[in-house]
Amino acid sequence: MKKMIARVFALTLCAAVVCALPAFAAEEETAAPEAPAYLAPVRVWGVVTRLENGAVLLKNSNENDPYHEVILHLAETTPVVDAVTGLPLDRELRNGETVYAWVGPAMTLSLPPQATAEVVVANIPADFGAPQYYQVAQIKTRMYADKSSPLIAVEVAVTSGLGLKIEEPGLRITVQAELLPWKTRQIVQMEDLQPGSQFLAWTDSHGQVTRVLLFPYAYRTWLRYDGYGGIDMPGEGFPKTPNGYLTVAAKETEEEVLLPIRAVAEAAGYTVNWVPGQGAVVTDGENLVFSVLPGQDVARTADGETWLTGNCYFEKGTTYLPAIDLVRLLNLFPVY
């Protein structure tokens, strides 16, 4: 049953342990051995042909590549990064230049397929090692010179456009790497790397990370379910058990994991109230995030109704939603 629930919820057990190392102290967070597949962004590349509708056609030389030809759509907010400097590229993509792009795994069924770019890397010199785009799936190890010092290295499990699952053995980033923010002067530190973080990484000929370009965090925060009722979320100011979990546990059925709405939403910084006729109402300031009534499989958001994968559930004063739905509605990153 545990494996079935893990497939439905797509979260696995992670436990923190402290390990002594010769040159530094490290905090390890070890995932369960069978991490589920994760729909990572897909890497595409090719020579640019600009189209009349503003999109670009990418065509590469590998005819066996399933993305040999792709029509790429760029939103106004799509990062277009200079491969050499890591700075925003303040020009349009040019006909005939080669670029790398990462797109969502969902593409149209047209030929060639079409997709919206999450990030584009351009201005790539010949024989230059272009950066790779990653998302942190989990923090594996944090390393310190001592317990009172800042991080000196971090090892992260990552997903990338090279496949649809977590890559092993992961990526190690040290204080020797240059850390850059995207379109801001804010100082970036290794502590800013957290589950869900998206970044470009440059490596040298030995595979060592030399530069990281960190994009703004796209999620409210992250959430990890331990497979046995425990819910782990970062931050302080809300009730936690001695082992760091929320004091209200998740519920499991044969088909799904149910998360307590109030405990999770308040830990993520939202406000939750019970309103007669509306049920659990989650707000962010004055803005409605969603509301849902027990027994219903539809939630109401500021943009209208949205279907749930299962019914809202109420038991002993606690209202629950299927984990997949609550993570989506609250914009949380599920840690694998």
Foldseek 3Di string as FASTA:
>chain_A
DLVLQCVVLQFAAWAWDWDDDDQWTKIFIDTDPDRDWAQAWAKDKAFWDADPVRWTWGAHDDPPPLPNIEIEDEDPPAAEAEQPPRAGDPDDDDGGFMKMFTFGPDWDPDVVTYTYTNYIYGPADPPHDGWFKKFFQAWGMFIGSDPVGDTFKTWTFIDGNVDRHTDPPTAMAGPQAAEAEYPDPDDDDPVPRGHQWMWIFDADPVRHTRYIYTYPRQFLFAWHDHSPFFIATDDDDADADPSRGQPGTWDDDPNAIKDFQCRVLVSSPWDWDQDVPFGIWTADVPATLWTFDAPDQWIAHPVGIDGHPDGWHDDPHTIIGGSVVSCVSRRHHYRD
